[in-house]
Amino acid sequence: MDIKEYFARISYQGSHNKPDLATMSDIFLHHIQAVPFENLSIHCGERIELNLEATYNKIVRKKRGGWCMENNYLLSWVLKTLGYKVTLLGSKVYVAELDAYPDEIDHLLLQVDLDGKSYIVDGGFGMTYQLWQPMELISGTDQPQTPGVFRFQEESGTWYLEKVKRKQLVLNPSTSTSQNVENEVCRRVYLFTLQPRDIEEFRSCNDHLQTAPDSLFVTKSVCSLQTADGIRALVGWKLTEIKYNYRDNMDLVEITIIADEEIEKTLKEKFNVTLDKKFVPVNASRLSLF
């Protein structure tokens, strides 16, 4: 594995001699705008391996994306290689429709300690809740980013990530399957503790999410990518393109239904993804990703 090959993959040409916040933030932004959050392997009959070398080959050499346990595991290697102090953390992702968190951890994120401060680095969440820069680990303070205002709330050692939601201008609302949760003002994203984790602790989660019949990742095919000014996401056959803060604290949303014969072309043109095997889109779950 070659750090320069990784930098070429994310089109990063900046300095990396000093492990500071500016460098980490720049590399992070390049990563999320080059590497999709996607679970397409599941819907191509491929297994998602929890193996750093396999992840490197998939994301860097095959120019694919991945989910949290791929993106953030790769980012942990990148940051450690550059001299950052990185700790793996486990979180539980909030399910709005159930108003609940799962019993077991189902998301991998990173804690980076730098110059006496701690930061959460999460390049593997995707969709509109994807951070665009590392977040300082402080409670109760709004941290505005391009996608919106994020903040942490800490209660008795448990940390909660929240995002303040913007209003949306949907150009073609007839194609939108709106949920009641779209009326939320603030959305919980996930909870976590600062207990250090080993990658082996995510092995059962990695298996469960790609095989369980009720797993969101089994019932939905997902590919999302952060862009220069927003996000695009293909969920099943529905392509959603969002321009953040289009005007007056409002996001612009455009939705297109993609025909089967246009799926591969869309993945290539919108996400720079080319698949080795036959892809079967799926969108059988009512759970919202936005």
C-alpha atoms as a PDB file:
ATOM      1  CA  MET A   1       0.000   0.000   0.000  1.00  0.00           C
ATOM      2  CA  ASP A   2       1.387   3.337  -1.120  1.00  0.00           C
ATOM      3  CA  ILE A   3       0.339   6.681   0.364  1.00  0.00           C
ATOM      4  CA  LYS A   4       1.210   8.479  -2.883  1.00  0.00           C
ATOM      5  CA  GLU A   5      -1.072   6.137  -4.812  1.00  0.00           C
ATOM      6  CA  TYR A   6      -3.843   6.969  -2.324  1.00  0.00           C
ATOM      7  CA  PHE A   7      -3.222  10.701  -2.789  1.00  0.00           C
ATOM      8  CA  ALA A   8      -3.509  10.244  -6.561  1.00  0.00           C
ATOM      9  CA  ARG A   9      -6.819   8.408  -6.049  1.00  0.00           C
ATOM     10  CA  ILE A  10      -8.308  11.369  -4.152  1.00  0.00           C
ATOM     11  CA  SER A  11      -6.548  14.006  -6.330  1.00  0.00           C
ATOM     12  CA  TYR A  12      -4.711  15.429  -3.319  1.00  0.00           C
ATOM     13  CA  GLN A  13      -1.642  17.473  -4.194  1.00  0.00           C
ATOM     14  CA  GLY A  14      -1.185  19.440  -0.979  1.00  0.00           C
ATOM     15  CA  SER A  15       1.483  19.201   1.686  1.00  0.00           C
ATOM     16  CA  HIS A  16       1.569  16.208   4.018  1.00  0.00           C
ATOM     17  CA  ASN A  17       4.830  16.755   5.862  1.00  0.00           C
ATOM     18  CA  LYS A  18       3.237  18.207   8.992  1.00  0.00           C
ATOM     19  CA  PRO A  19       0.439  16.301  10.767  1.00  0.00           C
ATOM     20  CA  ASP A  20      -1.697  19.325  11.634  1.00  0.00           C
ATOM     21  CA  LEU A  21      -5.436  20.095  11.517  1.00  0.00           C
ATOM     22  CA  ALA A  22      -5.295  21.925   8.185  1.00  0.00           C
ATOM     23  CA  THR A  23      -3.619  18.992   6.433  1.00  0.00           C
ATOM     24  CA  MET A  24      -6.002  16.441   7.951  1.00  0.00           C
ATOM     25  CA  SER A  25      -9.035  18.554   7.001  1.00  0.00           C
ATOM     26  CA  ASP A  26      -7.822  18.986   3.417  1.00  0.00           C
ATOM     27  CA  ILE A  27      -7.118  15.274   2.922  1.00  0.00           C
ATOM     28  CA  PHE A  28     -10.486  14.413   4.494  1.00  0.00           C
ATOM     29  CA  LEU A  29     -12.426  16.716   2.138  1.00  0.00           C
ATOM     30  CA  HIS A  30     -10.609  15.306  -0.882  1.00  0.00           C
ATOM     31  CA  HIS A  31     -11.466  11.777   0.285  1.00  0.00           C
ATOM     32  CA  ILE A  32     -15.213  12.302   0.651  1.00  0.00           C
ATOM     33  CA  GLN A  33     -15.423  14.112  -2.701  1.00  0.00           C
ATOM     34  CA  ALA A  34     -13.562  11.321  -4.514  1.00  0.00           C
ATOM     35  CA  VAL A  35     -14.576   8.114  -2.732  1.00  0.00           C
ATOM     36  CA  PRO A  36     -18.303   7.266  -2.707  1.00  0.00           C
ATOM     37  CA  PHE A  37     -20.166   5.882   0.277  1.00  0.00           C
ATOM     38  CA  GLU A  38     -21.623   2.755  -1.302  1.00  0.00           C
ATOM     39  CA  ASN A  39     -22.780  -0.807  -0.667  1.00  0.00           C
ATOM     40  CA  LEU A  40     -22.905  -1.904  -4.315  1.00  0.00           C
ATOM     41  CA  SER A  41     -20.849  -5.046  -3.641  1.00  0.00           C
ATOM     42  CA  ILE A  42     -23.769  -6.559  -1.749  1.00  0.00           C
ATOM     43  CA  HIS A  43     -25.962  -6.142  -4.837  1.00  0.00           C
ATOM     44  CA  CYS A  44     -23.311  -7.517  -7.196  1.00  0.00           C
ATOM     45  CA  GLY A  45     -22.919 -10.794  -5.329  1.00  0.00           C
ATOM     46  CA  GLU A  46     -19.587  -9.724  -3.812  1.00  0.00           C
ATOM     47  CA  ARG A  47     -18.551  -9.967  -0.174  1.00  0.00           C
ATOM     48  CA  ILE A  48     -17.379  -6.842   1.676  1.00  0.00           C
ATOM     49  CA  GLU A  49     -14.171  -7.859   3.426  1.00  0.00           C
ATOM     50  CA  LEU A  50     -12.988  -6.300   6.671  1.00  0.00           C
ATOM     51  CA  ASN A  51      -9.385  -6.365   5.535  1.00  0.00           C
ATOM     52  CA  LEU A  52      -7.227  -3.284   5.058  1.00  0.00           C
ATOM     53  CA  GLU A  53      -5.339  -4.545   2.016  1.00  0.00           C
ATOM     54  CA  ALA A  54      -8.564  -5.672   0.309  1.00  0.00           C
ATOM     55  CA  THR A  55     -10.133  -2.291   1.086  1.00  0.00           C
ATOM     56  CA  TYR A  56      -7.092  -0.477  -0.302  1.00  0.00           C
ATOM     57  CA  ASN A  57      -7.259  -2.485  -3.540  1.00  0.00           C
ATOM     58  CA  LYS A  58     -10.990  -1.867  -3.868  1.00  0.00           C
ATOM     59  CA  ILE A  59     -11.003   1.885  -3.159  1.00  0.00           C
ATOM     60  CA  VAL A  60      -7.598   2.995  -4.403  1.00  0.00           C
ATOM     61  CA  ARG A  61      -6.825   0.654  -7.288  1.00  0.00           C
ATOM     62  CA  LYS A  62     -10.314  -0.236  -8.511  1.00  0.00           C
ATOM     63  CA  LYS A  63     -11.615   3.291  -7.811  1.00  0.00           C
ATOM     64  CA  ARG A  64     -14.631   2.008  -5.928  1.00  0.00           C
ATOM     65  CA  GLY A  65     -16.194   3.342  -2.744  1.00  0.00           C
ATOM     66  CA  GLY A  66     -17.207   1.608   0.449  1.00  0.00           C
ATOM     67  CA  TRP A  67     -19.175   1.877   3.667  1.00  0.00           C
ATOM     68  CA  CYS A  68     -17.977   3.058   7.087  1.00  0.00           C
ATOM     69  CA  MET A  69     -15.829   0.034   7.893  1.00  0.00           C
ATOM     70  CA  GLU A  70     -14.002   0.470   4.591  1.00  0.00           C
ATOM     71  CA  ASN A  71     -13.722   4.259   4.278  1.00  0.00           C
ATOM     72  CA  ASN A  72     -12.804   4.931   7.895  1.00  0.00           C
ATOM     73  CA  TYR A  73     -10.499   1.927   8.237  1.00  0.00           C
ATOM     74  CA  LEU A  74      -8.614   3.175   5.164  1.00  0.00           C
ATOM     75  CA  LEU A  75      -8.561   6.720   6.564  1.00  0.00           C
ATOM     76  CA  SER A  76      -7.141   5.402   9.846  1.00  0.00           C
ATOM     77  CA  TRP A  77      -4.244   3.873   7.900  1.00  0.00           C
ATOM     78  CA  VAL A  78      -3.707   7.118   5.971  1.00  0.00           C
ATOM     79  CA  LEU A  79      -3.666   9.290   9.097  1.00  0.00           C
ATOM     80  CA  LYS A  80      -1.448   6.909  11.077  1.00  0.00           C
ATOM     81  CA  THR A  81       0.970   6.770   8.134  1.00  0.00           C
ATOM     82  CA  LEU A  82       1.187  10.575   8.242  1.00  0.00           C
ATOM     83  CA  GLY A  83       1.897  10.610  11.978  1.00  0.00           C
ATOM     84  CA  TYR A  84      -1.521  11.270  13.536  1.00  0.00           C
ATOM     85  CA  LYS A  85      -2.687   9.590  16.744  1.00  0.00           C
ATOM     86  CA  VAL A  86      -5.831   7.671  15.717  1.00  0.00           C
ATOM     87  CA  THR A  87      -8.286   5.623  17.814  1.00  0.00           C
ATOM     88  CA  LEU A  88     -11.114   3.510  16.384  1.00  0.00           C
ATOM     89  CA  LEU A  89     -14.522   4.136  17.983  1.00  0.00           C
ATOM     90  CA  GLY A  90     -17.851   2.343  17.600  1.00  0.00           C
ATOM     91  CA  SER A  91     -21.225   4.035  17.331  1.00  0.00           C
ATOM     92  CA  LYS A  92     -24.909   3.196  17.065  1.00  0.00           C
ATOM     93  CA  VAL A  93     -26.784   4.896  14.212  1.00  0.00           C
ATOM     94  CA  TYR A  94     -30.137   6.474  15.046  1.00  0.00           C
ATOM     95  CA  VAL A  95     -33.168   5.083  13.185  1.00  0.00           C
ATOM     96  CA  ALA A  96     -35.625   7.978  12.920  1.00  0.00           C
ATOM     97  CA  GLU A  97     -38.642   5.882  11.923  1.00  0.00           C
ATOM     98  CA  LEU A  98     -38.215   3.755  15.044  1.00  0.00           C
ATOM     99  CA  ASP A  99     -36.997   6.615  17.259  1.00  0.00           C
ATOM    100  CA  ALA A 100     -34.351   4.233  18.565  1.00  0.00           C
ATOM    101  CA  TYR A 101     -30.716   3.207  18.484  1.00  0.00           C
ATOM    102  CA  PRO A 102     -29.661  -0.415  17.859  1.00  0.00           C
ATOM    103  CA  ASP A 103     -28.461  -2.645  20.690  1.00  0.00           C
ATOM    104  CA  GLU A 104     -25.025  -3.224  19.156  1.00  0.00           C
ATOM    105  CA  ILE A 105     -22.525  -0.896  17.483  1.00  0.00           C
ATOM    106  CA  ASP A 106     -23.082  -0.662  13.734  1.00  0.00           C
ATOM    107  CA  HIS A 107     -20.790   2.181  12.660  1.00  0.00           C
ATOM    108  CA  LEU A 108     -17.027   2.751  12.737  1.00  0.00           C
ATOM    109  CA  LEU A 109     -15.589   6.237  13.246  1.00  0.00           C
ATOM    110  CA  LEU A 110     -12.229   7.731  14.207  1.00  0.00           C
ATOM    111  CA  GLN A 111     -10.955   9.865  17.067  1.00  0.00           C
ATOM    112  CA  VAL A 112      -7.811  11.863  16.323  1.00  0.00           C
ATOM    113  CA  ASP A 113      -5.887  13.543  19.151  1.00  0.00           C
ATOM    114  CA  LEU A 114      -4.010  16.599  17.956  1.00  0.00           C
ATOM    115  CA  ASP A 115      -2.380  19.520  19.792  1.00  0.00           C
ATOM    116  CA  GLY A 116      -4.208  18.811  23.046  1.00  0.00           C
ATOM    117  CA  LYS A 117      -7.626  18.530  21.407  1.00  0.00           C
ATOM    118  CA  SER A 118      -9.691  15.572  20.178  1.00  0.00           C
ATOM    119  CA  TYR A 119     -11.475  15.437  16.833  1.00  0.00           C
ATOM    120  CA  ILE A 120     -14.014  13.049  15.356  1.00  0.00           C
ATOM    121  CA  VAL A 121     -13.153  12.069  11.786  1.00  0.00           C
ATOM    122  CA  ASP A 122     -15.912  10.200   9.949  1.00  0.00           C
ATOM    123  CA  GLY A 123     -15.567   9.755   6.202  1.00  0.00           C
ATOM    124  CA  GLY A 124     -17.950   6.829   6.031  1.00  0.00           C
ATOM    125  CA  PHE A 125     -21.478   8.004   6.718  1.00  0.00           C
ATOM    126  CA  GLY A 126     -22.536   9.328   3.328  1.00  0.00           C
ATOM    127  CA  MET A 127     -25.757  11.009   2.260  1.00  0.00           C
ATOM    128  CA  THR A 128     -26.651  14.416   3.754  1.00  0.00           C
ATOM    129  CA  TYR A 129     -25.285  13.544   7.206  1.00  0.00           C
ATOM    130  CA  GLN A 130     -21.712  13.196   5.969  1.00  0.00           C
ATOM    131  CA  LEU A 131     -19.319  15.524   7.787  1.00  0.00           C
ATOM    132  CA  TRP A 132     -17.223  17.696   5.500  1.00  0.00           C
ATOM    133  CA  GLN A 133     -14.484  18.361   8.038  1.00  0.00           C
ATOM    134  CA  PRO A 134     -13.265  16.915  11.326  1.00  0.00           C
ATOM    135  CA  MET A 135     -15.358  17.953  14.331  1.00  0.00           C
ATOM    136  CA  GLU A 136     -13.804  19.019  17.595  1.00  0.00           C
ATOM    137  CA  LEU A 137     -15.004  16.781  20.418  1.00  0.00           C
ATOM    138  CA  ILE A 138     -16.768  19.384  22.542  1.00  0.00           C
ATOM    139  CA  SER A 139     -20.317  19.245  23.887  1.00  0.00           C
ATOM    140  CA  GLY A 140     -23.111  21.692  23.178  1.00  0.00           C
ATOM    141  CA  THR A 141     -21.298  23.875  20.634  1.00  0.00           C
ATOM    142  CA  ASP A 142     -22.644  24.394  17.109  1.00  0.00           C
ATOM    143  CA  GLN A 143     -20.053  23.543  14.461  1.00  0.00           C
ATOM    144  CA  PRO A 144     -21.294  24.918  11.104  1.00  0.00           C
ATOM    145  CA  GLN A 145     -20.156  23.124   7.952  1.00  0.00           C
ATOM    146  CA  THR A 146     -21.258  23.317   4.310  1.00  0.00           C
ATOM    147  CA  PRO A 147     -23.871  20.498   4.728  1.00  0.00           C
ATOM    148  CA  GLY A 148     -25.376  22.248   7.784  1.00  0.00           C
ATOM    149  CA  VAL A 149     -24.835  22.797  11.490  1.00  0.00           C
ATOM    150  CA  PHE A 150     -23.538  19.794  13.433  1.00  0.00           C
ATOM    151  CA  ARG A 151     -23.043  19.503  17.189  1.00  0.00           C
ATOM    152  CA  PHE A 152     -22.194  16.989  19.875  1.00  0.00           C
ATOM    153  CA  GLN A 153     -24.132  16.559  23.104  1.00  0.00           C
ATOM    154  CA  GLU A 154     -22.470  14.592  25.893  1.00  0.00           C
ATOM    155  CA  GLU A 155     -24.453  12.885  28.670  1.00  0.00           C
ATOM    156  CA  SER A 156     -22.763  10.703  31.295  1.00  0.00           C
ATOM    157  CA  GLY A 157     -19.977   9.607  28.966  1.00  0.00           C
ATOM    158  CA  THR A 158     -22.207   9.022  25.934  1.00  0.00           C
ATOM    159  CA  TRP A 159     -21.788  11.383  23.014  1.00  0.00           C
ATOM    160  CA  TYR A 160     -24.614  12.206  20.589  1.00  0.00           C
ATOM    161  CA  LEU A 161     -24.099  13.696  17.120  1.00  0.00           C
ATOM    162  CA  GLU A 162     -26.909  15.923  15.841  1.00  0.00           C
ATOM    163  CA  LYS A 163     -27.484  17.881  12.641  1.00  0.00           C
ATOM    164  CA  VAL A 164     -29.741  20.904  12.312  1.00  0.00           C
ATOM    165  CA  LYS A 165     -31.796  20.372   9.165  1.00  0.00           C
ATOM    166  CA  ARG A 166     -32.319  22.983   6.462  1.00  0.00           C
ATOM    167  CA  LYS A 167     -35.462  23.520   4.466  1.00  0.00           C
ATOM    168  CA  GLN A 168     -35.501  21.987   0.999  1.00  0.00           C
ATOM    169  CA  LEU A 169     -36.716  23.240  -2.353  1.00  0.00           C
ATOM    170  CA  VAL A 170     -37.644  20.096  -4.305  1.00  0.00           C
ATOM    171  CA  LEU A 171     -37.856  20.802  -8.040  1.00  0.00           C
ATOM    172  CA  ASN A 172     -39.994  17.767  -8.845  1.00  0.00           C
ATOM    173  CA  PRO A 173     -41.822  16.788  -5.647  1.00  0.00           C
ATOM    174  CA  SER A 174     -43.967  14.172  -7.424  1.00  0.00           C
ATOM    175  CA  THR A 175     -40.944  11.846  -7.531  1.00  0.00           C
ATOM    176  CA  SER A 176     -40.151  12.296  -3.848  1.00  0.00           C
ATOM    177  CA  THR A 177     -41.375   9.696  -1.369  1.00  0.00           C
ATOM    178  CA  SER A 178     -41.463  12.086   1.544  1.00  0.00           C
ATOM    179  CA  GLN A 179     -41.439  10.777   5.085  1.00  0.00           C
ATOM    180  CA  ASN A 180     -42.789  12.436   8.203  1.00  0.00           C
ATOM    181  CA  VAL A 181     -39.223  12.686   9.460  1.00  0.00           C
ATOM    182  CA  GLU A 182     -38.606  15.408   6.872  1.00  0.00           C
ATOM    183  CA  ASN A 183     -40.453  17.769   9.204  1.00  0.00           C
ATOM    184  CA  GLU A 184     -37.724  17.432  11.828  1.00  0.00           C
ATOM    185  CA  VAL A 185     -35.820  20.556  12.767  1.00  0.00           C
ATOM    186  CA  CYS A 186     -32.892  18.608  14.198  1.00  0.00           C
ATOM    187  CA  ARG A 187     -31.919  15.011  13.448  1.00  0.00           C
ATOM    188  CA  ARG A 188     -29.972  12.736  15.736  1.00  0.00           C
ATOM    189  CA  VAL A 189     -27.305  10.951  13.708  1.00  0.00           C
ATOM    190  CA  TYR A 190     -25.596   8.510  16.080  1.00  0.00           C
ATOM    191  CA  LEU A 191     -24.327   7.971  19.617  1.00  0.00           C
ATOM    192  CA  PHE A 192     -20.911   6.739  20.700  1.00  0.00           C
ATOM    193  CA  THR A 193     -18.552   6.464  23.654  1.00  0.00           C
ATOM    194  CA  LEU A 194     -14.804   7.071  23.738  1.00  0.00           C
ATOM    195  CA  GLN A 195     -14.058   3.411  24.447  1.00  0.00           C
ATOM    196  CA  PRO A 196     -11.201   2.419  22.098  1.00  0.00           C
ATOM    197  CA  ARG A 197     -12.128  -0.374  19.697  1.00  0.00           C
ATOM    198  CA  ASP A 198     -10.189  -2.953  17.786  1.00  0.00           C
ATOM    199  CA  ILE A 199     -11.122  -3.676  14.171  1.00  0.00           C
ATOM    200  CA  GLU A 200     -11.949  -7.259  15.184  1.00  0.00           C
ATOM    201  CA  GLU A 201     -14.899  -5.901  17.200  1.00  0.00           C
ATOM    202  CA  PHE A 202     -16.560  -4.857  13.925  1.00  0.00           C
ATOM    203  CA  ARG A 203     -16.349  -8.254  12.252  1.00  0.00           C
ATOM    204  CA  SER A 204     -19.799  -9.487  13.339  1.00  0.00           C
ATOM    205  CA  CYS A 205     -21.318  -6.106  12.428  1.00  0.00           C
ATOM    206  CA  ASN A 206     -19.678  -6.232   8.987  1.00  0.00           C
ATOM    207  CA  ASP A 207     -21.153  -9.692   8.422  1.00  0.00           C
ATOM    208  CA  HIS A 208     -24.605  -8.866   9.784  1.00  0.00           C
ATOM    209  CA  LEU A 209     -25.133  -5.674   7.766  1.00  0.00           C
ATOM    210  CA  GLN A 210     -24.465  -7.413   4.452  1.00  0.00           C
ATOM    211  CA  THR A 211     -26.469 -10.599   5.123  1.00  0.00           C
ATOM    212  CA  ALA A 212     -29.399  -9.908   7.489  1.00  0.00           C
ATOM    213  CA  PRO A 213     -32.714  -9.767   5.555  1.00  0.00           C
ATOM    214  CA  ASP A 214     -33.805  -6.663   7.500  1.00  0.00           C
ATOM    215  CA  SER A 215     -30.499  -4.809   7.111  1.00  0.00           C
ATOM    216  CA  LEU A 216     -30.910  -1.420   5.453  1.00  0.00           C
ATOM    217  CA  PHE A 217     -27.920  -2.245   3.275  1.00  0.00           C
ATOM    218  CA  VAL A 218     -29.519  -5.474   2.049  1.00  0.00           C
ATOM    219  CA  THR A 219     -32.871  -3.822   1.318  1.00  0.00           C
ATOM    220  CA  LYS A 220     -31.383  -0.724  -0.374  1.00  0.00           C
ATOM    221  CA  SER A 221     -28.585  -0.298  -2.905  1.00  0.00           C
ATOM    222  CA  VAL A 222     -26.800   2.957  -2.114  1.00  0.00           C
ATOM    223  CA  CYS A 223     -24.133   5.064  -3.780  1.00  0.00           C
ATOM    224  CA  SER A 224     -23.584   8.631  -2.572  1.00  0.00           C
ATOM    225  CA  LEU A 225     -20.814  11.123  -3.243  1.00  0.00           C
ATOM    226  CA  GLN A 226     -20.137  14.576  -1.854  1.00  0.00           C
ATOM    227  CA  THR A 227     -19.650  17.185  -4.606  1.00  0.00           C
ATOM    228  CA  ALA A 228     -18.103  20.660  -4.671  1.00  0.00           C
ATOM    229  CA  ASP A 229     -21.371  22.236  -3.480  1.00  0.00           C
ATOM    230  CA  GLY A 230     -23.595  19.377  -2.337  1.00  0.00           C
ATOM    231  CA  ILE A 231     -24.236  15.697  -2.752  1.00  0.00           C
ATOM    232  CA  ARG A 232     -25.545  13.192  -5.269  1.00  0.00           C
ATOM    233  CA  ALA A 233     -26.971   9.823  -4.311  1.00  0.00           C
ATOM    234  CA  LEU A 234     -28.360   6.844  -6.197  1.00  0.00           C
ATOM    235  CA  VAL A 235     -30.663   4.789  -3.963  1.00  0.00           C
ATOM    236  CA  GLY A 236     -32.218   1.973  -5.938  1.00  0.00           C
ATOM    237  CA  TRP A 237     -33.276   3.696  -9.164  1.00  0.00           C
ATOM    238  CA  LYS A 238     -33.702   7.165  -7.637  1.00  0.00           C
ATOM    239  CA  LEU A 239     -30.964   9.709  -8.260  1.00  0.00           C
ATOM    240  CA  THR A 240     -31.094  12.640  -5.850  1.00  0.00           C
ATOM    241  CA  GLU A 241     -28.875  15.670  -6.438  1.00  0.00           C
ATOM    242  CA  ILE A 242     -28.681  18.347  -3.745  1.00  0.00           C
ATOM    243  CA  LYS A 243     -27.088  21.775  -3.835  1.00  0.00           C
ATOM    244  CA  TYR A 244     -26.406  22.920  -0.278  1.00  0.00           C
ATOM    245  CA  ASN A 245     -27.611  26.334   0.905  1.00  0.00           C
ATOM    246  CA  TYR A 246     -28.967  27.214  -2.534  1.00  0.00           C
ATOM    247  CA  ARG A 247     -30.562  30.338  -1.080  1.00  0.00           C
ATOM    248  CA  ASP A 248     -31.771  31.656   2.269  1.00  0.00           C
ATOM    249  CA  ASN A 249     -30.664  28.570   4.223  1.00  0.00           C
ATOM    250  CA  MET A 250     -32.470  26.277   1.802  1.00  0.00           C
ATOM    251  CA  ASP A 251     -31.079  23.288  -0.121  1.00  0.00           C
ATOM    252  CA  LEU A 252     -32.035  22.679  -3.744  1.00  0.00           C
ATOM    253  CA  VAL A 253     -33.133  19.088  -4.441  1.00  0.00           C
ATOM    254  CA  GLU A 254     -33.570  17.477  -7.845  1.00  0.00           C
ATOM    255  CA  ILE A 255     -34.767  13.873  -8.183  1.00  0.00           C
ATOM    256  CA  THR A 256     -34.554  11.682 -11.291  1.00  0.00           C
ATOM    257  CA  ILE A 257     -35.731   8.096 -11.743  1.00  0.00           C
ATOM    258  CA  ILE A 258     -33.094   6.141 -13.663  1.00  0.00           C
ATOM    259  CA  ALA A 259     -34.074   3.374 -16.086  1.00  0.00           C
ATOM    260  CA  ASP A 260     -32.392  -0.028 -15.712  1.00  0.00           C
ATOM    261  CA  GLU A 261     -30.448   0.391 -18.926  1.00  0.00           C
ATOM    262  CA  GLU A 262     -29.034   3.736 -17.708  1.00  0.00           C
ATOM    263  CA  ILE A 263     -27.855   2.559 -14.273  1.00  0.00           C
ATOM    264  CA  GLU A 264     -24.293   1.612 -15.248  1.00  0.00           C
ATOM    265  CA  LYS A 265     -23.863   4.829 -17.237  1.00  0.00           C
ATOM    266  CA  THR A 266     -25.152   6.866 -14.281  1.00  0.00           C
ATOM    267  CA  LEU A 267     -22.729   5.174 -11.873  1.00  0.00           C
ATOM    268  CA  LYS A 268     -19.846   5.940 -14.215  1.00  0.00           C
ATOM    269  CA  GLU A 269     -20.780   9.525 -15.060  1.00  0.00           C
ATOM    270  CA  LYS A 270     -22.038  10.679 -11.658  1.00  0.00           C
ATOM    271  CA  PHE A 271     -19.860   8.623  -9.281  1.00  0.00           C
ATOM    272  CA  ASN A 272     -16.897   7.455 -11.410  1.00  0.00           C
ATOM    273  CA  VAL A 273     -17.755   3.865 -10.435  1.00  0.00           C
ATOM    274  CA  THR A 274     -17.354   0.897 -12.773  1.00  0.00           C
ATOM    275  CA  LEU A 275     -18.474  -2.495 -11.485  1.00  0.00           C
ATOM    276  CA  ASP A 276     -16.940  -5.884 -12.324  1.00  0.00           C
ATOM    277  CA  LYS A 277     -20.148  -7.847 -11.883  1.00  0.00           C
ATOM    278  CA  LYS A 278     -23.827  -7.478 -12.737  1.00  0.00           C
ATOM    279  CA  PHE A 279     -25.494  -4.927 -10.446  1.00  0.00           C
ATOM    280  CA  VAL A 280     -29.122  -5.359  -9.361  1.00  0.00           C
ATOM    281  CA  PRO A 281     -30.605  -2.156  -7.875  1.00  0.00           C
ATOM    282  CA  VAL A 282     -32.808  -2.548  -4.786  1.00  0.00           C
ATOM    283  CA  ASN A 283     -34.993  -0.139  -2.815  1.00  0.00           C
ATOM    284  CA  ALA A 284     -37.300  -2.290  -0.720  1.00  0.00           C
ATOM    285  CA  SER A 285     -37.039  -0.503   2.617  1.00  0.00           C
ATOM    286  CA  ARG A 286     -39.233   2.346   3.879  1.00  0.00           C
ATOM    287  CA  LEU A 287     -36.433   3.659   6.076  1.00  0.00           C
ATOM    288  CA  SER A 288     -35.183   7.089   5.014  1.00  0.00           C
ATOM    289  CA  LEU A 289     -31.523   7.811   4.294  1.00  0.00           C
ATOM    290  CA  PHE A 290     -31.941  11.580   4.035  1.00  0.00           C
END
